[in-house]
Amino acid sequence: MDNTQLYSSIAALPDALKNEVSDFVAFLQQKIKSEKKIKERKFGCAKGFFTISPDFDEPLEDFKEYM
């Protein structure tokens, strides 16, 4: 469907449905903007956000009887 056919189809709708189409178009535009924000993230943006304790690789006390 090209732009002319799309415009003709929308123009033939009642006013209430035209408002719904307008709301849907606004929703799609907002969705596109939010997708662009996700792509702008850079590698290493969470550096320092997570920490691992120095004894991370040590055996747990709960499993000593099984070792």
PDB file of N, CA and C in Angstrom:
ATOM      1  N   MET A   1       0.857  -1.172   0.000  1.00  0.00           N
ATOM      2  CA  MET A   1       0.000   0.000   0.000  1.00  0.00           C
ATOM      3  C   MET A   1       0.902   1.233   0.000  1.00  0.00           C
ATOM      4  N   ASP A   2       0.722   2.074  -0.981  1.00  0.00           N
ATOM      5  CA  ASP A   2       1.536   3.285  -1.047  1.00  0.00           C
ATOM      6  C   ASP A   2       0.888   4.396  -0.211  1.00  0.00           C
ATOM      7  N   ASN A   3       1.565   5.524  -0.112  1.00  0.00           N
ATOM      8  CA  ASN A   3       1.110   6.624   0.746  1.00  0.00           C
ATOM      9  C   ASN A   3      -0.248   7.174   0.317  1.00  0.00           C
ATOM     10  N   THR A   4      -0.494   7.238  -0.983  1.00  0.00           N
ATOM     11  CA  THR A   4      -1.764   7.776  -1.471  1.00  0.00           C
ATOM     12  C   THR A   4      -2.930   6.876  -1.062  1.00  0.00           C
ATOM     13  N   GLN A   5      -2.763   5.580  -1.216  1.00  0.00           N
ATOM     14  CA  GLN A   5      -3.803   4.640  -0.814  1.00  0.00           C
ATOM     15  C   GLN A   5      -4.022   4.683   0.696  1.00  0.00           C
ATOM     16  N   LEU A   6      -2.948   4.788   1.438  1.00  0.00           N
ATOM     17  CA  LEU A   6      -3.045   4.864   2.895  1.00  0.00           C
ATOM     18  C   LEU A   6      -3.789   6.123   3.320  1.00  0.00           C
ATOM     19  N   TYR A   7      -3.452   7.232   2.722  1.00  0.00           N
ATOM     20  CA  TYR A   7      -4.121   8.494   3.046  1.00  0.00           C
ATOM     21  C   TYR A   7      -5.605   8.422   2.684  1.00  0.00           C
ATOM     22  N   SER A   8      -5.937   7.856   1.553  1.00  0.00           N
ATOM     23  CA  SER A   8      -7.338   7.726   1.133  1.00  0.00           C
ATOM     24  C   SER A   8      -8.116   6.845   2.106  1.00  0.00           C
ATOM     25  N   SER A   9      -7.495   5.759   2.561  1.00  0.00           N
ATOM     26  CA  SER A   9      -8.155   4.857   3.506  1.00  0.00           C
ATOM     27  C   SER A   9      -8.407   5.561   4.836  1.00  0.00           C
ATOM     28  N   ILE A  10      -7.443   6.324   5.302  1.00  0.00           N
ATOM     29  CA  ILE A  10      -7.601   7.038   6.567  1.00  0.00           C
ATOM     30  C   ILE A  10      -8.640   8.142   6.420  1.00  0.00           C
ATOM     31  N   ALA A  11      -8.636   8.836   5.297  1.00  0.00           N
ATOM     32  CA  ALA A  11      -9.588   9.926   5.068  1.00  0.00           C
ATOM     33  C   ALA A  11     -11.028   9.417   5.038  1.00  0.00           C
ATOM     34  N   ALA A  12     -11.234   8.174   4.649  1.00  0.00           N
ATOM     35  CA  ALA A  12     -12.581   7.614   4.567  1.00  0.00           C
ATOM     36  C   ALA A  12     -13.118   7.167   5.927  1.00  0.00           C
ATOM     37  N   LEU A  13     -12.267   7.127   6.948  1.00  0.00           N
ATOM     38  CA  LEU A  13     -12.696   6.676   8.271  1.00  0.00           C
ATOM     39  C   LEU A  13     -13.512   7.748   8.992  1.00  0.00           C
ATOM     40  N   PRO A  14     -14.379   7.327   9.923  1.00  0.00           N
ATOM     41  CA  PRO A  14     -15.077   8.307  10.762  1.00  0.00           C
ATOM     42  C   PRO A  14     -14.084   9.002  11.700  1.00  0.00           C
ATOM     43  N   ASP A  15     -14.490  10.151  12.228  1.00  0.00           N
ATOM     44  CA  ASP A  15     -13.587  10.949  13.063  1.00  0.00           C
ATOM     45  C   ASP A  15     -13.066  10.185  14.277  1.00  0.00           C
ATOM     46  N   ALA A  16     -13.897   9.374  14.904  1.00  0.00           N
ATOM     47  CA  ALA A  16     -13.472   8.620  16.086  1.00  0.00           C
ATOM     48  C   ALA A  16     -12.328   7.663  15.739  1.00  0.00           C
ATOM     49  N   LEU A  17     -12.429   7.018  14.596  1.00  0.00           N
ATOM     50  CA  LEU A  17     -11.377   6.090  14.183  1.00  0.00           C
ATOM     51  C   LEU A  17     -10.126   6.835  13.717  1.00  0.00           C
ATOM     52  N   LYS A  18     -10.300   8.007  13.155  1.00  0.00           N
ATOM     53  CA  LYS A  18      -9.134   8.817  12.777  1.00  0.00           C
ATOM     54  C   LYS A  18      -8.328   9.173  14.019  1.00  0.00           C
ATOM     55  N   ASN A  19      -9.016   9.454  15.122  1.00  0.00           N
ATOM     56  CA  ASN A  19      -8.320   9.744  16.382  1.00  0.00           C
ATOM     57  C   ASN A  19      -7.541   8.527  16.870  1.00  0.00           C
ATOM     58  N   GLU A  20      -8.127   7.340  16.719  1.00  0.00           N
ATOM     59  CA  GLU A  20      -7.417   6.122  17.109  1.00  0.00           C
ATOM     60  C   GLU A  20      -6.184   5.902  16.237  1.00  0.00           C
ATOM     61  N   VAL A  21      -6.308   6.174  14.948  1.00  0.00           N
ATOM     62  CA  VAL A  21      -5.158   6.046  14.045  1.00  0.00           C
ATOM     63  C   VAL A  21      -4.079   7.033  14.451  1.00  0.00           C
ATOM     64  N   SER A  22      -4.476   8.232  14.791  1.00  0.00           N
ATOM     65  CA  SER A  22      -3.517   9.251  15.224  1.00  0.00           C
ATOM     66  C   SER A  22      -2.796   8.810  16.495  1.00  0.00           C
ATOM     67  N   ASP A  23      -3.542   8.249  17.445  1.00  0.00           N
ATOM     68  CA  ASP A  23      -2.926   7.749  18.681  1.00  0.00           C
ATOM     69  C   ASP A  23      -1.945   6.614  18.384  1.00  0.00           C
ATOM     70  N   PHE A  24      -2.317   5.737  17.461  1.00  0.00           N
ATOM     71  CA  PHE A  24      -1.444   4.619  17.115  1.00  0.00           C
ATOM     72  C   PHE A  24      -0.162   5.101  16.449  1.00  0.00           C
ATOM     73  N   VAL A  25      -0.278   6.094  15.593  1.00  0.00           N
ATOM     74  CA  VAL A  25       0.907   6.661  14.938  1.00  0.00           C
ATOM     75  C   VAL A  25       1.832   7.279  15.990  1.00  0.00           C
ATOM     76  N   ALA A  26       1.260   7.982  16.969  1.00  0.00           N
ATOM     77  CA  ALA A  26       2.062   8.570  18.051  1.00  0.00           C
ATOM     78  C   ALA A  26       2.755   7.467  18.847  1.00  0.00           C
ATOM     79  N   PHE A  27       2.060   6.364  19.091  1.00  0.00           N
ATOM     80  CA  PHE A  27       2.651   5.221  19.788  1.00  0.00           C
ATOM     81  C   PHE A  27       3.839   4.656  19.014  1.00  0.00           C
ATOM     82  N   LEU A  28       3.667   4.495  17.704  1.00  0.00           N
ATOM     83  CA  LEU A  28       4.754   3.960  16.879  1.00  0.00           C
ATOM     84  C   LEU A  28       5.956   4.898  16.861  1.00  0.00           C
ATOM     85  N   GLN A  29       5.717   6.193  16.818  1.00  0.00           N
ATOM     86  CA  GLN A  29       6.821   7.154  16.841  1.00  0.00           C
ATOM     87  C   GLN A  29       7.567   7.083  18.159  1.00  0.00           C
ATOM     88  N   GLN A  30       6.840   6.938  19.263  1.00  0.00           N
ATOM     89  CA  GLN A  30       7.474   6.811  20.577  1.00  0.00           C
ATOM     90  C   GLN A  30       8.285   5.525  20.656  1.00  0.00           C
ATOM     91  N   LYS A  31       7.769   4.450  20.069  1.00  0.00           N
ATOM     92  CA  LYS A  31       8.475   3.170  20.053  1.00  0.00           C
ATOM     93  C   LYS A  31       9.793   3.288  19.298  1.00  0.00           C
ATOM     94  N   ILE A  32       9.783   4.003  18.182  1.00  0.00           N
ATOM     95  CA  ILE A  32      11.007   4.204  17.401  1.00  0.00           C
ATOM     96  C   ILE A  32      12.023   4.994  18.214  1.00  0.00           C
ATOM     97  N   LYS A  33      11.570   6.022  18.923  1.00  0.00           N
ATOM     98  CA  LYS A  33      12.485   6.830  19.733  1.00  0.00           C
ATOM     99  C   LYS A  33      13.109   5.998  20.841  1.00  0.00           C
ATOM    100  N   SER A  34      12.333   5.126  21.481  1.00  0.00           N
ATOM    101  CA  SER A  34      12.868   4.318  22.569  1.00  0.00           C
ATOM    102  C   SER A  34      13.853   3.280  22.047  1.00  0.00           C
ATOM    103  N   GLU A  35      13.637   2.752  20.842  1.00  0.00           N
ATOM    104  CA  GLU A  35      14.575   1.800  20.258  1.00  0.00           C
ATOM    105  C   GLU A  35      15.901   2.473  19.936  1.00  0.00           C
ATOM    106  N   LYS A  36      15.870   3.711  19.518  1.00  0.00           N
ATOM    107  CA  LYS A  36      17.092   4.433  19.211  1.00  0.00           C
ATOM    108  C   LYS A  36      17.902   4.678  20.477  1.00  0.00           C
ATOM    109  N   LYS A  37      17.239   4.927  21.599  1.00  0.00           N
ATOM    110  CA  LYS A  37      17.945   5.160  22.851  1.00  0.00           C
ATOM    111  C   LYS A  37      18.715   3.926  23.279  1.00  0.00           C
ATOM    112  N   ILE A  38      18.148   2.760  23.066  1.00  0.00           N
ATOM    113  CA  ILE A  38      18.828   1.528  23.453  1.00  0.00           C
ATOM    114  C   ILE A  38      20.087   1.332  22.622  1.00  0.00           C
ATOM    115  N   LYS A  39      20.058   1.665  21.354  1.00  0.00           N
ATOM    116  CA  LYS A  39      21.210   1.477  20.486  1.00  0.00           C
ATOM    117  C   LYS A  39      22.359   2.430  20.825  1.00  0.00           C
ATOM    118  N   GLU A  40      22.089   3.510  21.540  1.00  0.00           N
ATOM    119  CA  GLU A  40      23.121   4.474  21.847  1.00  0.00           C
ATOM    120  C   GLU A  40      23.999   4.082  23.035  1.00  0.00           C
ATOM    121  N   ARG A  41      23.689   2.976  23.703  1.00  0.00           N
ATOM    122  CA  ARG A  41      24.485   2.543  24.843  1.00  0.00           C
ATOM    123  C   ARG A  41      25.893   2.182  24.387  1.00  0.00           C
ATOM    124  N   LYS A  42      26.839   2.463  25.241  1.00  0.00           N
ATOM    125  CA  LYS A  42      28.235   2.213  24.902  1.00  0.00           C
ATOM    126  C   LYS A  42      28.786   1.078  25.749  1.00  0.00           C
ATOM    127  N   PHE A  43      29.771   0.405  25.213  1.00  0.00           N
ATOM    128  CA  PHE A  43      30.420  -0.692  25.916  1.00  0.00           C
ATOM    129  C   PHE A  43      31.052  -0.176  27.199  1.00  0.00           C
ATOM    130  N   GLY A  44      30.827  -0.885  28.279  1.00  0.00           N
ATOM    131  CA  GLY A  44      31.428  -0.517  29.564  1.00  0.00           C
ATOM    132  C   GLY A  44      30.619   0.487  30.357  1.00  0.00           C
ATOM    133  N   CYS A  45      29.378   0.742  29.974  1.00  0.00           N
ATOM    134  CA  CYS A  45      28.590   1.755  30.670  1.00  0.00           C
ATOM    135  C   CYS A  45      28.232   1.324  32.090  1.00  0.00           C
ATOM    136  N   ALA A  46      28.301   0.032  32.406  1.00  0.00           N
ATOM    137  CA  ALA A  46      27.983  -0.445  33.748  1.00  0.00           C
ATOM    138  C   ALA A  46      29.245  -0.776  34.544  1.00  0.00           C
ATOM    139  N   LYS A  47      30.381  -0.279  34.107  1.00  0.00           N
ATOM    140  CA  LYS A  47      31.641  -0.554  34.798  1.00  0.00           C
ATOM    141  C   LYS A  47      31.559  -0.037  36.228  1.00  0.00           C
ATOM    142  N   GLY A  48      31.895  -0.914  37.174  1.00  0.00           N
ATOM    143  CA  GLY A  48      31.851  -0.550  38.581  1.00  0.00           C
ATOM    144  C   GLY A  48      30.476  -0.728  39.211  1.00  0.00           C
ATOM    145  N   PHE A  49      29.490  -1.085  38.434  1.00  0.00           N
ATOM    146  CA  PHE A  49      28.138  -1.260  38.951  1.00  0.00           C
ATOM    147  C   PHE A  49      28.026  -2.567  39.730  1.00  0.00           C
ATOM    148  N   PHE A  50      28.746  -3.612  39.278  1.00  0.00           N
ATOM    149  CA  PHE A  50      28.737  -4.907  39.937  1.00  0.00           C
ATOM    150  C   PHE A  50      30.115  -5.172  40.517  1.00  0.00           C
ATOM    151  N   THR A  51      30.134  -5.789  41.681  1.00  0.00           N
ATOM    152  CA  THR A  51      31.410  -6.180  42.286  1.00  0.00           C
ATOM    153  C   THR A  51      31.339  -7.643  42.677  1.00  0.00           C
ATOM    154  N   ILE A  52      32.473  -8.308  42.614  1.00  0.00           N
ATOM    155  CA  ILE A  52      32.579  -9.704  43.008  1.00  0.00           C
ATOM    156  C   ILE A  52      33.506  -9.764  44.205  1.00  0.00           C
ATOM    157  N   SER A  53      33.077 -10.457  45.229  1.00  0.00           N
ATOM    158  CA  SER A  53      33.890 -10.534  46.441  1.00  0.00           C
ATOM    159  C   SER A  53      35.175 -11.308  46.158  1.00  0.00           C
ATOM    160  N   PRO A  54      36.246 -11.018  46.910  1.00  0.00           N
ATOM    161  CA  PRO A  54      37.526 -11.696  46.670  1.00  0.00           C
ATOM    162  C   PRO A  54      37.461 -13.211  46.878  1.00  0.00           C
ATOM    163  N   ASP A  55      36.570 -13.693  47.743  1.00  0.00           N
ATOM    164  CA  ASP A  55      36.470 -15.132  47.997  1.00  0.00           C
ATOM    165  C   ASP A  55      35.402 -15.801  47.134  1.00  0.00           C
ATOM    166  N   PHE A  56      35.137 -15.264  45.984  1.00  0.00           N
ATOM    167  CA  PHE A  56      34.088 -15.780  45.095  1.00  0.00           C
ATOM    168  C   PHE A  56      34.326 -17.233  44.708  1.00  0.00           C
ATOM    169  N   ASP A  57      35.573 -17.606  44.441  1.00  0.00           N
ATOM    170  CA  ASP A  57      35.893 -18.965  43.985  1.00  0.00           C
ATOM    171  C   ASP A  57      36.113 -19.947  45.133  1.00  0.00           C
ATOM    172  N   GLU A  58      36.091 -19.485  46.364  1.00  0.00           N
ATOM    173  CA  GLU A  58      36.305 -20.356  47.521  1.00  0.00           C
ATOM    174  C   GLU A  58      35.086 -21.249  47.729  1.00  0.00           C
ATOM    175  N   PRO A  59      35.305 -22.472  48.243  1.00  0.00           N
ATOM    176  CA  PRO A  59      34.167 -23.359  48.515  1.00  0.00           C
ATOM    177  C   PRO A  59      33.261 -22.772  49.613  1.00  0.00           C
ATOM    178  N   LEU A  60      31.991 -23.047  49.524  1.00  0.00           N
ATOM    179  CA  LEU A  60      31.039 -22.554  50.505  1.00  0.00           C
ATOM    180  C   LEU A  60      31.063 -23.419  51.761  1.00  0.00           C
ATOM    181  N   GLU A  61      30.781 -22.805  52.904  1.00  0.00           N
ATOM    182  CA  GLU A  61      30.748 -23.521  54.177  1.00  0.00           C
ATOM    183  C   GLU A  61      29.696 -24.630  54.157  1.00  0.00           C
ATOM    184  N   ASP A  62      28.594 -24.400  53.484  1.00  0.00           N
ATOM    185  CA  ASP A  62      27.490 -25.366  53.467  1.00  0.00           C
ATOM    186  C   ASP A  62      27.863 -26.670  52.784  1.00  0.00           C
ATOM    187  N   PHE A  63      28.858 -26.675  51.907  1.00  0.00           N
ATOM    188  CA  PHE A  63      29.212 -27.870  51.155  1.00  0.00           C
ATOM    189  C   PHE A  63      30.477 -28.553  51.666  1.00  0.00           C
ATOM    190  N   LYS A  64      31.020 -28.108  52.795  1.00  0.00           N
ATOM    191  CA  LYS A  64      32.275 -28.723  53.299  1.00  0.00           C
ATOM    192  C   LYS A  64      32.113 -30.188  53.626  1.00  0.00           C
ATOM    193  N   GLU A  65      30.953 -30.609  54.120  1.00  0.00           N
ATOM    194  CA  GLU A  65      30.764 -32.008  54.483  1.00  0.00           C
ATOM    195  C   GLU A  65      30.699 -32.920  53.248  1.00  0.00           C
ATOM    196  N   TYR A  66      30.459 -32.367  52.092  1.00  0.00           N
ATOM    197  CA  TYR A  66      30.414 -33.163  50.865  1.00  0.00           C
ATOM    198  C   TYR A  66      31.753 -33.228  50.160  1.00  0.00           C
ATOM    199  N   MET A  67      32.721 -32.476  50.598  1.00  0.00           N
ATOM    200  CA  MET A  67      34.024 -32.434  49.915  1.00  0.00           C
ATOM    201  C   MET A  67      35.044 -33.292  50.615  1.00  0.00           C
TER     202      MET A  67
END
